PDB file of all heavy atoms in Angstrom:
ATOM      1  N   LYS A   1       0.800  -1.229   0.000  1.00  0.00           N
ATOM      2  CA  LYS A   1       0.000   0.000   0.000  1.00  0.00           C
ATOM      3  C   LYS A   1       0.833   1.279   0.000  1.00  0.00           C
ATOM      4  O   LYS A   1       0.403   2.296  -0.555  1.00  0.00           O
ATOM      5  CB  LYS A   1      -0.981   0.005   1.170  1.00  0.00           C
ATOM      6  CG  LYS A   1      -0.365  -0.157   2.542  1.00  0.00           C
ATOM      7  CD  LYS A   1      -1.453  -0.418   3.575  1.00  0.00           C
ATOM      8  CE  LYS A   1      -0.886  -0.733   4.937  1.00  0.00           C
ATOM      9  NZ  LYS A   1      -1.928  -1.168   5.890  1.00  0.00           N
ATOM     10  N   GLN A   2       2.033   1.244   0.602  1.00  0.00           N
ATOM     11  CA  GLN A   2       2.852   2.458   0.616  1.00  0.00           C
ATOM     12  C   GLN A   2       3.417   2.789  -0.766  1.00  0.00           C
ATOM     13  O   GLN A   2       3.917   3.890  -0.991  1.00  0.00           O
ATOM     14  CB  GLN A   2       3.991   2.347   1.634  1.00  0.00           C
ATOM     15  CG  GLN A   2       4.961   1.216   1.390  1.00  0.00           C
ATOM     16  CD  GLN A   2       4.589  -0.035   2.169  1.00  0.00           C
ATOM     17  OE1 GLN A   2       3.458  -0.202   2.582  1.00  0.00           O
ATOM     18  NE2 GLN A   2       5.554  -0.902   2.375  1.00  0.00           N
ATOM     19  N   LYS A   3       3.325   1.852  -1.713  1.00  0.00           N
ATOM     20  CA  LYS A   3       3.806   2.089  -3.072  1.00  0.00           C
ATOM     21  C   LYS A   3       2.694   2.583  -3.999  1.00  0.00           C
ATOM     22  O   LYS A   3       2.957   2.971  -5.139  1.00  0.00           O
ATOM     23  CB  LYS A   3       4.392   0.792  -3.639  1.00  0.00           C
ATOM     24  CG  LYS A   3       5.653   0.296  -2.951  1.00  0.00           C
ATOM     25  CD  LYS A   3       6.851   1.132  -3.335  1.00  0.00           C
ATOM     26  CE  LYS A   3       8.143   0.566  -2.756  1.00  0.00           C
ATOM     27  NZ  LYS A   3       8.529  -0.728  -3.340  1.00  0.00           N
ATOM     28  N   ILE A   4       1.462   2.550  -3.534  1.00  0.00           N
ATOM     29  CA  ILE A   4       0.336   2.954  -4.373  1.00  0.00           C
ATOM     30  C   ILE A   4       0.265   4.473  -4.454  1.00  0.00           C
ATOM     31  O   ILE A   4       0.455   5.171  -3.461  1.00  0.00           O
ATOM     32  CB  ILE A   4      -0.988   2.378  -3.817  1.00  0.00           C
ATOM     33  CG1 ILE A   4      -0.908   0.848  -3.746  1.00  0.00           C
ATOM     34  CG2 ILE A   4      -2.164   2.788  -4.687  1.00  0.00           C
ATOM     35  CD1 ILE A   4      -2.094   0.208  -3.048  1.00  0.00           C
ATOM     36  N   GLU A   5      -0.034   4.974  -5.631  1.00  0.00           N
ATOM     37  CA  GLU A   5      -0.093   6.415  -5.852  1.00  0.00           C
ATOM     38  C   GLU A   5      -1.509   6.843  -6.219  1.00  0.00           C
ATOM     39  O   GLU A   5      -2.257   6.092  -6.841  1.00  0.00           O
ATOM     40  CB  GLU A   5       0.850   6.809  -7.002  1.00  0.00           C
ATOM     41  CG  GLU A   5       2.296   6.394  -6.789  1.00  0.00           C
ATOM     42  CD  GLU A   5       3.131   6.569  -8.049  1.00  0.00           C
ATOM     43  OE1 GLU A   5       2.538   6.892  -9.105  1.00  0.00           O
ATOM     44  OE2 GLU A   5       4.351   6.386  -7.975  1.00  0.00           O
ATOM     45  N   LYS A   6      -1.864   8.058  -5.819  1.00  0.00           N
ATOM     46  CA  LYS A   6      -3.101   8.634  -6.314  1.00  0.00           C
ATOM     47  C   LYS A   6      -2.929   8.920  -7.806  1.00  0.00           C
ATOM     48  O   LYS A   6      -1.840   9.249  -8.260  1.00  0.00           O
ATOM     49  CB  LYS A   6      -3.445   9.922  -5.569  1.00  0.00           C
ATOM     50  CG  LYS A   6      -3.773   9.728  -4.100  1.00  0.00           C
ATOM     51  CD  LYS A   6      -4.094  11.062  -3.442  1.00  0.00           C
ATOM     52  CE  LYS A   6      -4.347  10.907  -1.955  1.00  0.00           C
ATOM     53  NZ  LYS A   6      -4.616  12.204  -1.298  1.00  0.00           N
ATOM     54  N   GLY A   7      -4.035   8.795  -8.547  1.00  0.00           N
ATOM     55  CA  GLY A   7      -3.947   9.056  -9.982  1.00  0.00           C
ATOM     56  C   GLY A   7      -4.354   7.850 -10.802  1.00  0.00           C
ATOM     57  O   GLY A   7      -5.165   7.019 -10.365  1.00  0.00           O
ATOM     58  N   GLU A   8      -3.792   7.730 -11.977  1.00  0.00           N
ATOM     59  CA  GLU A   8      -4.233   6.727 -12.946  1.00  0.00           C
ATOM     60  C   GLU A   8      -3.953   5.297 -12.497  1.00  0.00           C
ATOM     61  O   GLU A   8      -2.931   4.990 -11.911  1.00  0.00           O
ATOM     62  CB  GLU A   8      -3.561   6.976 -14.296  1.00  0.00           C
ATOM     63  CG  GLU A   8      -3.976   8.276 -14.967  1.00  0.00           C
ATOM     64  CD  GLU A   8      -3.315   8.454 -16.330  1.00  0.00           C
ATOM     65  OE1 GLU A   8      -2.591   7.539 -16.765  1.00  0.00           O
ATOM     66  OE2 GLU A   8      -3.531   9.505 -16.947  1.00  0.00           O
ATOM     67  N   ALA A   9      -4.913   4.417 -12.812  1.00  0.00           N
ATOM     68  CA  ALA A   9      -4.784   2.986 -12.570  1.00  0.00           C
ATOM     69  C   ALA A   9      -5.750   2.281 -13.524  1.00  0.00           C
ATOM     70  O   ALA A   9      -6.433   2.923 -14.327  1.00  0.00           O
ATOM     71  CB  ALA A   9      -5.076   2.646 -11.115  1.00  0.00           C
ATOM     72  N   LYS A  10      -5.804   0.964 -13.432  1.00  0.00           N
ATOM     73  CA  LYS A  10      -6.681   0.172 -14.295  1.00  0.00           C
ATOM     74  C   LYS A  10      -7.436  -0.847 -13.454  1.00  0.00           C
ATOM     75  O   LYS A  10      -6.916  -1.351 -12.454  1.00  0.00           O
ATOM     76  CB  LYS A  10      -5.871  -0.588 -15.357  1.00  0.00           C
ATOM     77  CG  LYS A  10      -5.007   0.280 -16.258  1.00  0.00           C
ATOM     78  CD  LYS A  10      -5.826   0.917 -17.353  1.00  0.00           C
ATOM     79  CE  LYS A  10      -4.909   1.637 -18.358  1.00  0.00           C
ATOM     80  NZ  LYS A  10      -5.693   2.263 -19.448  1.00  0.00           N
ATOM     81  N   ILE A  11      -8.688  -1.152 -13.841  1.00  0.00           N
ATOM     82  CA  ILE A  11      -9.354  -2.326 -13.290  1.00  0.00           C
ATOM     83  C   ILE A  11      -9.544  -3.323 -14.423  1.00  0.00           C
ATOM     84  O   ILE A  11      -9.721  -2.940 -15.586  1.00  0.00           O
ATOM     85  CB  ILE A  11     -10.708  -1.995 -12.618  1.00  0.00           C
ATOM     86  CG1 ILE A  11     -11.696  -1.363 -13.601  1.00  0.00           C
ATOM     87  CG2 ILE A  11     -10.516  -1.122 -11.409  1.00  0.00           C
ATOM     88  CD1 ILE A  11     -13.082  -1.194 -12.997  1.00  0.00           C
ATOM     89  N   VAL A  12      -9.464  -4.592 -14.075  1.00  0.00           N
ATOM     90  CA  VAL A  12      -9.596  -5.669 -15.053  1.00  0.00           C
ATOM     91  C   VAL A  12     -10.957  -6.322 -14.869  1.00  0.00           C
ATOM     92  O   VAL A  12     -11.299  -6.763 -13.769  1.00  0.00           O
ATOM     93  CB  VAL A  12      -8.480  -6.723 -14.880  1.00  0.00           C
ATOM     94  CG1 VAL A  12      -8.591  -7.796 -15.955  1.00  0.00           C
ATOM     95  CG2 VAL A  12      -7.109  -6.064 -14.912  1.00  0.00           C
ATOM     96  N   SER A  13     -11.740  -6.375 -15.950  1.00  0.00           N
ATOM     97  CA  SER A  13     -13.093  -6.923 -15.852  1.00  0.00           C
ATOM     98  C   SER A  13     -13.497  -7.562 -17.171  1.00  0.00           C
ATOM     99  O   SER A  13     -12.971  -7.216 -18.239  1.00  0.00           O
ATOM    100  CB  SER A  13     -14.092  -5.816 -15.476  1.00  0.00           C
ATOM    101  OG  SER A  13     -15.410  -6.320 -15.443  1.00  0.00           O
ATOM    102  N   SER A  14     -14.433  -8.500 -17.067  1.00  0.00           N
ATOM    103  CA  SER A  14     -14.963  -9.183 -18.249  1.00  0.00           C
ATOM    104  C   SER A  14     -16.429  -8.841 -18.476  1.00  0.00           C
ATOM    105  O   SER A  14     -17.175  -9.635 -19.065  1.00  0.00           O
ATOM    106  CB  SER A  14     -14.799 -10.698 -18.100  1.00  0.00           C
ATOM    107  OG  SER A  14     -13.450 -11.055 -17.928  1.00  0.00           O
ATOM    108  N   VAL A  15     -16.873  -7.659 -18.014  1.00  0.00           N
ATOM    109  CA  VAL A  15     -18.283  -7.297 -18.140  1.00  0.00           C
ATOM    110  C   VAL A  15     -18.733  -7.205 -19.600  1.00  0.00           C
ATOM    111  O   VAL A  15     -19.909  -7.374 -19.908  1.00  0.00           O
ATOM    112  CB  VAL A  15     -18.591  -5.962 -17.423  1.00  0.00           C
ATOM    113  CG1 VAL A  15     -18.598  -6.147 -15.924  1.00  0.00           C
ATOM    114  CG2 VAL A  15     -17.605  -4.876 -17.842  1.00  0.00           C
ATOM    115  N   SER A  16     -17.805  -6.946 -20.518  1.00  0.00           N
ATOM    116  CA  SER A  16     -18.160  -6.838 -21.936  1.00  0.00           C
ATOM    117  C   SER A  16     -18.256  -8.202 -22.606  1.00  0.00           C
ATOM    118  O   SER A  16     -18.684  -8.299 -23.760  1.00  0.00           O
ATOM    119  CB  SER A  16     -17.117  -5.996 -22.675  1.00  0.00           C
ATOM    120  OG  SER A  16     -15.874  -6.688 -22.744  1.00  0.00           O
ATOM    121  N   GLY A  17     -17.885  -9.250 -21.877  1.00  0.00           N
ATOM    122  CA  GLY A  17     -17.807 -10.584 -22.463  1.00  0.00           C
ATOM    123  C   GLY A  17     -16.378 -10.982 -22.756  1.00  0.00           C
ATOM    124  O   GLY A  17     -16.080 -12.156 -22.967  1.00  0.00           O
ATOM    125  N   LYS A  18     -15.484 -10.003 -22.767  1.00  0.00           N
ATOM    126  CA  LYS A  18     -14.063 -10.241 -22.952  1.00  0.00           C
ATOM    127  C   LYS A  18     -13.293  -9.562 -21.817  1.00  0.00           C
ATOM    128  O   LYS A  18     -13.693  -8.530 -21.313  1.00  0.00           O
ATOM    129  CB  LYS A  18     -13.581  -9.686 -24.293  1.00  0.00           C
ATOM    130  CG  LYS A  18     -14.166 -10.385 -25.508  1.00  0.00           C
ATOM    131  CD  LYS A  18     -13.595  -9.810 -26.800  1.00  0.00           C
ATOM    132  CE  LYS A  18     -14.153 -10.524 -28.023  1.00  0.00           C
ATOM    133  NZ  LYS A  18     -13.603  -9.954 -29.292  1.00  0.00           N
ATOM    134  N   ARG A  19     -12.181 -10.163 -21.462  1.00  0.00           N
ATOM    135  CA  ARG A  19     -11.357  -9.604 -20.398  1.00  0.00           C
ATOM    136  C   ARG A  19     -10.653  -8.349 -20.913  1.00  0.00           C
ATOM    137  O   ARG A  19      -9.902  -8.403 -21.879  1.00  0.00           O
ATOM    138  CB  ARG A  19     -10.333 -10.650 -19.941  1.00  0.00           C
ATOM    139  CG  ARG A  19      -9.452 -10.229 -18.781  1.00  0.00           C
ATOM    140  CD  ARG A  19      -8.433 -11.321 -18.481  1.00  0.00           C
ATOM    141  NE  ARG A  19      -7.574 -10.946 -17.377  1.00  0.00           N
ATOM    142  CZ  ARG A  19      -6.514 -10.144 -17.485  1.00  0.00           C
ATOM    143  NH1 ARG A  19      -6.213  -9.615 -18.654  1.00  0.00           N
ATOM    144  NH2 ARG A  19      -5.772  -9.872 -16.421  1.00  0.00           N
ATOM    145  N   LYS A  20     -10.907  -7.216 -20.245  1.00  0.00           N
ATOM    146  CA  LYS A  20     -10.332  -5.944 -20.670  1.00  0.00           C
ATOM    147  C   LYS A  20      -9.857  -5.148 -19.469  1.00  0.00           C
ATOM    148  O   LYS A  20     -10.287  -5.376 -18.337  1.00  0.00           O
ATOM    149  CB  LYS A  20     -11.361  -5.112 -21.448  1.00  0.00           C
ATOM    150  CG  LYS A  20     -11.753  -5.669 -22.801  1.00  0.00           C
ATOM    151  CD  LYS A  20     -12.678  -4.691 -23.528  1.00  0.00           C
ATOM    152  CE  LYS A  20     -13.033  -5.189 -24.916  1.00  0.00           C
ATOM    153  NZ  LYS A  20     -13.889  -4.209 -25.641  1.00  0.00           N
ATOM    154  N   GLU A  21      -8.978  -4.174 -19.748  1.00  0.00           N
ATOM    155  CA  GLU A  21      -8.533  -3.238 -18.729  1.00  0.00           C
ATOM    156  C   GLU A  21      -9.223  -1.894 -18.961  1.00  0.00           C
ATOM    157  O   GLU A  21      -9.293  -1.414 -20.097  1.00  0.00           O
ATOM    158  CB  GLU A  21      -7.011  -3.058 -18.782  1.00  0.00           C
ATOM    159  CG  GLU A  21      -6.244  -4.325 -18.422  1.00  0.00           C
ATOM    160  CD  GLU A  21      -4.740  -4.121 -18.432  1.00  0.00           C
ATOM    161  OE1 GLU A  21      -4.297  -2.960 -18.663  1.00  0.00           O
ATOM    162  OE2 GLU A  21      -4.003  -5.104 -18.218  1.00  0.00           O
ATOM    163  N   TYR A  22      -9.744  -1.310 -17.864  1.00  0.00           N
ATOM    164  CA  TYR A  22     -10.471  -0.045 -17.953  1.00  0.00           C
ATOM    165  C   TYR A  22      -9.812   0.996 -17.051  1.00  0.00           C
ATOM    166  O   TYR A  22      -9.364   0.685 -15.942  1.00  0.00           O
ATOM    167  CB  TYR A  22     -11.928  -0.241 -17.531  1.00  0.00           C
ATOM    168  CG  TYR A  22     -12.701  -1.200 -18.415  1.00  0.00           C
ATOM    169  CD1 TYR A  22     -12.898  -2.516 -18.011  1.00  0.00           C
ATOM    170  CD2 TYR A  22     -13.229  -0.788 -19.631  1.00  0.00           C
ATOM    171  CE1 TYR A  22     -13.608  -3.405 -18.809  1.00  0.00           C
ATOM    172  CE2 TYR A  22     -13.948  -1.660 -20.444  1.00  0.00           C
ATOM    173  CZ  TYR A  22     -14.138  -2.970 -20.028  1.00  0.00           C
ATOM    174  OH  TYR A  22     -14.836  -3.848 -20.828  1.00  0.00           O
ATOM    175  N   SER A  23      -9.786   2.240 -17.505  1.00  0.00           N
ATOM    176  CA  SER A  23      -9.104   3.313 -16.782  1.00  0.00           C
ATOM    177  C   SER A  23      -9.927   3.795 -15.584  1.00  0.00           C
ATOM    178  O   SER A  23     -11.141   3.967 -15.674  1.00  0.00           O
ATOM    179  CB  SER A  23      -8.854   4.501 -17.713  1.00  0.00           C
ATOM    180  OG  SER A  23      -8.028   4.122 -18.788  1.00  0.00           O
ATOM    181  N   ILE A  24      -9.223   4.028 -14.478  1.00  0.00           N
ATOM    182  CA  ILE A  24      -9.826   4.639 -13.288  1.00  0.00           C
ATOM    183  C   ILE A  24      -8.862   5.682 -12.744  1.00  0.00           C
ATOM    184  O   ILE A  24      -7.699   5.745 -13.145  1.00  0.00           O
ATOM    185  CB  ILE A  24     -10.131   3.600 -12.185  1.00  0.00           C
ATOM    186  CG1 ILE A  24      -8.835   2.931 -11.694  1.00  0.00           C
ATOM    187  CG2 ILE A  24     -11.131   2.564 -12.673  1.00  0.00           C
ATOM    188  CD1 ILE A  24      -9.014   2.060 -10.476  1.00  0.00           C
ATOM    189  N   ASN A  25      -9.345   6.490 -11.824  1.00  0.00           N
ATOM    190  CA  ASN A  25      -8.518   7.478 -11.144  1.00  0.00           C
ATOM    191  C   ASN A  25      -8.619   7.254  -9.637  1.00  0.00           C
ATOM    192  O   ASN A  25      -9.717   7.296  -9.064  1.00  0.00           O
ATOM    193  CB  ASN A  25      -8.977   8.902 -11.482  1.00  0.00           C
ATOM    194  CG  ASN A  25      -8.104   9.952 -10.823  1.00  0.00           C
ATOM    195  OD1 ASN A  25      -6.894   9.990 -11.042  1.00  0.00           O
ATOM    196  ND2 ASN A  25      -8.711  10.815 -10.014  1.00  0.00           N
ATOM    197  N   ILE A  26      -7.494   6.962  -8.996  1.00  0.00           N
ATOM    198  CA  ILE A  26      -7.481   6.763  -7.540  1.00  0.00           C
ATOM    199  C   ILE A  26      -7.531   8.126  -6.863  1.00  0.00           C
ATOM    200  O   ILE A  26      -6.674   8.983  -7.087  1.00  0.00           O
ATOM    201  CB  ILE A  26      -6.247   5.973  -7.092  1.00  0.00           C
ATOM    202  CG1 ILE A  26      -6.300   4.553  -7.683  1.00  0.00           C
ATOM    203  CG2 ILE A  26      -6.158   5.912  -5.567  1.00  0.00           C
ATOM    204  CD1 ILE A  26      -5.077   3.706  -7.380  1.00  0.00           C
ATOM    205  N   ILE A  27      -8.555   8.329  -6.019  1.00  0.00           N
ATOM    206  CA  ILE A  27      -8.809   9.627  -5.392  1.00  0.00           C
ATOM    207  C   ILE A  27      -8.195   9.715  -4.000  1.00  0.00           C
ATOM    208  O   ILE A  27      -7.546  10.696  -3.644  1.00  0.00           O
ATOM    209  CB  ILE A  27     -10.323   9.897  -5.299  1.00  0.00           C
ATOM    210  CG1 ILE A  27     -10.965   9.814  -6.694  1.00  0.00           C
ATOM    211  CG2 ILE A  27     -10.612  11.243  -4.654  1.00  0.00           C
ATOM    212  CD1 ILE A  27     -12.497   9.802  -6.644  1.00  0.00           C
ATOM    213  N   GLU A  28      -8.434   8.689  -3.171  1.00  0.00           N
ATOM    214  CA  GLU A  28      -7.960   8.695  -1.789  1.00  0.00           C
ATOM    215  C   GLU A  28      -7.471   7.312  -1.399  1.00  0.00           C
ATOM    216  O   GLU A  28      -7.893   6.292  -1.968  1.00  0.00           O
ATOM    217  CB  GLU A  28      -9.073   9.128  -0.823  1.00  0.00           C
ATOM    218  CG  GLU A  28      -9.518  10.579  -0.966  1.00  0.00           C
ATOM    219  CD  GLU A  28      -8.472  11.583  -0.512  1.00  0.00           C
ATOM    220  OE1 GLU A  28      -7.525  11.166   0.196  1.00  0.00           O
ATOM    221  OE2 GLU A  28      -8.599  12.761  -0.871  1.00  0.00           O
ATOM    222  N   LEU A  29      -6.582   7.288  -0.382  1.00  0.00           N
ATOM    223  CA  LEU A  29      -6.073   6.035   0.171  1.00  0.00           C
ATOM    224  C   LEU A  29      -6.248   6.062   1.685  1.00  0.00           C
ATOM    225  O   LEU A  29      -5.880   7.042   2.332  1.00  0.00           O
ATOM    226  CB  LEU A  29      -4.590   5.847  -0.178  1.00  0.00           C
ATOM    227  CG  LEU A  29      -4.257   5.734  -1.670  1.00  0.00           C
ATOM    228  CD1 LEU A  29      -2.761   5.867  -1.896  1.00  0.00           C
ATOM    229  CD2 LEU A  29      -4.758   4.405  -2.230  1.00  0.00           C
ATOM    230  N   ASP A  30      -6.834   5.003   2.227  1.00  0.00           N
ATOM    231  CA  ASP A  30      -7.022   4.872   3.674  1.00  0.00           C
ATOM    232  C   ASP A  30      -6.268   3.626   4.119  1.00  0.00           C
ATOM    233  O   ASP A  30      -6.740   2.506   3.948  1.00  0.00           O
ATOM    234  CB  ASP A  30      -8.510   4.759   4.015  1.00  0.00           C
ATOM    235  CG  ASP A  30      -8.766   4.631   5.512  1.00  0.00           C
ATOM    236  OD1 ASP A  30      -7.786   4.540   6.277  1.00  0.00           O
ATOM    237  OD2 ASP A  30      -9.945   4.604   5.913  1.00  0.00           O
ATOM    238  N   TYR A  31      -5.077   3.828   4.687  1.00  0.00           N
ATOM    239  CA  TYR A  31      -4.201   2.706   5.010  1.00  0.00           C
ATOM    240  C   TYR A  31      -4.729   1.808   6.120  1.00  0.00           C
ATOM    241  O   TYR A  31      -4.248   0.699   6.313  1.00  0.00           O
ATOM    242  CB  TYR A  31      -2.814   3.225   5.399  1.00  0.00           C
ATOM    243  CG  TYR A  31      -2.093   3.934   4.276  1.00  0.00           C
ATOM    244  CD1 TYR A  31      -1.457   5.149   4.490  1.00  0.00           C
ATOM    245  CD2 TYR A  31      -2.044   3.378   3.000  1.00  0.00           C
ATOM    246  CE1 TYR A  31      -0.796   5.806   3.455  1.00  0.00           C
ATOM    247  CE2 TYR A  31      -1.383   4.019   1.963  1.00  0.00           C
ATOM    248  CZ  TYR A  31      -0.773   5.233   2.199  1.00  0.00           C
ATOM    249  OH  TYR A  31      -0.119   5.880   1.174  1.00  0.00           O
ATOM    250  N   ASN A  32      -5.722   2.285   6.890  1.00  0.00           N
ATOM    251  CA  ASN A  32      -6.226   1.503   8.013  1.00  0.00           C
ATOM    252  C   ASN A  32      -7.513   0.746   7.701  1.00  0.00           C
ATOM    253  O   ASN A  32      -8.017   0.014   8.547  1.00  0.00           O
ATOM    254  CB  ASN A  32      -6.455   2.409   9.221  1.00  0.00           C
ATOM    255  CG  ASN A  32      -5.155   2.895   9.839  1.00  0.00           C
ATOM    256  OD1 ASN A  32      -4.217   2.124   9.993  1.00  0.00           O
ATOM    257  ND2 ASN A  32      -5.083   4.173  10.151  1.00  0.00           N
ATOM    258  N   SER A  33      -8.061   0.920   6.517  1.00  0.00           N
ATOM    259  CA  SER A  33      -9.310   0.252   6.177  1.00  0.00           C
ATOM    260  C   SER A  33      -9.065  -1.203   5.805  1.00  0.00           C
ATOM    261  O   SER A  33      -8.078  -1.534   5.146  1.00  0.00           O
ATOM    262  CB  SER A  33     -10.000   0.967   5.013  1.00  0.00           C
ATOM    263  OG  SER A  33     -11.159   0.281   4.613  1.00  0.00           O
ATOM    264  N   GLU A  34      -9.996  -2.058   6.211  1.00  0.00           N
ATOM    265  CA  GLU A  34      -9.843  -3.490   5.930  1.00  0.00           C
ATOM    266  C   GLU A  34     -10.106  -3.808   4.466  1.00  0.00           C
ATOM    267  O   GLU A  34      -9.320  -4.505   3.833  1.00  0.00           O
ATOM    268  CB  GLU A  34     -10.792  -4.304   6.816  1.00  0.00           C
ATOM    269  CG  GLU A  34     -10.592  -5.805   6.694  1.00  0.00           C
ATOM    270  CD  GLU A  34     -11.410  -6.577   7.713  1.00  0.00           C
ATOM    271  OE1 GLU A  34     -12.547  -6.174   8.005  1.00  0.00           O
ATOM    272  OE2 GLU A  34     -10.915  -7.589   8.214  1.00  0.00           O
ATOM    273  N   ASN A  35     -11.216  -3.317   3.918  1.00  0.00           N
ATOM    274  CA  ASN A  35     -11.487  -3.608   2.502  1.00  0.00           C
ATOM    275  C   ASN A  35     -12.066  -2.417   1.734  1.00  0.00           C
ATOM    276  O   ASN A  35     -12.697  -2.589   0.694  1.00  0.00           O
ATOM    277  CB  ASN A  35     -12.402  -4.830   2.350  1.00  0.00           C
ATOM    278  CG  ASN A  35     -13.722  -4.688   3.062  1.00  0.00           C
ATOM    279  OD1 ASN A  35     -14.123  -3.594   3.467  1.00  0.00           O
ATOM    280  ND2 ASN A  35     -14.423  -5.797   3.231  1.00  0.00           N
TER     281      ASN A  35
END
């Protein structure tokens, strides 16, 4: 978690029927949260 940066990242999902990577933007990080 200490290596994670706010900003661009990707999520991997097969919602389209094919496995793809989709762009997201990381807004905040809470190091004490469980999930």
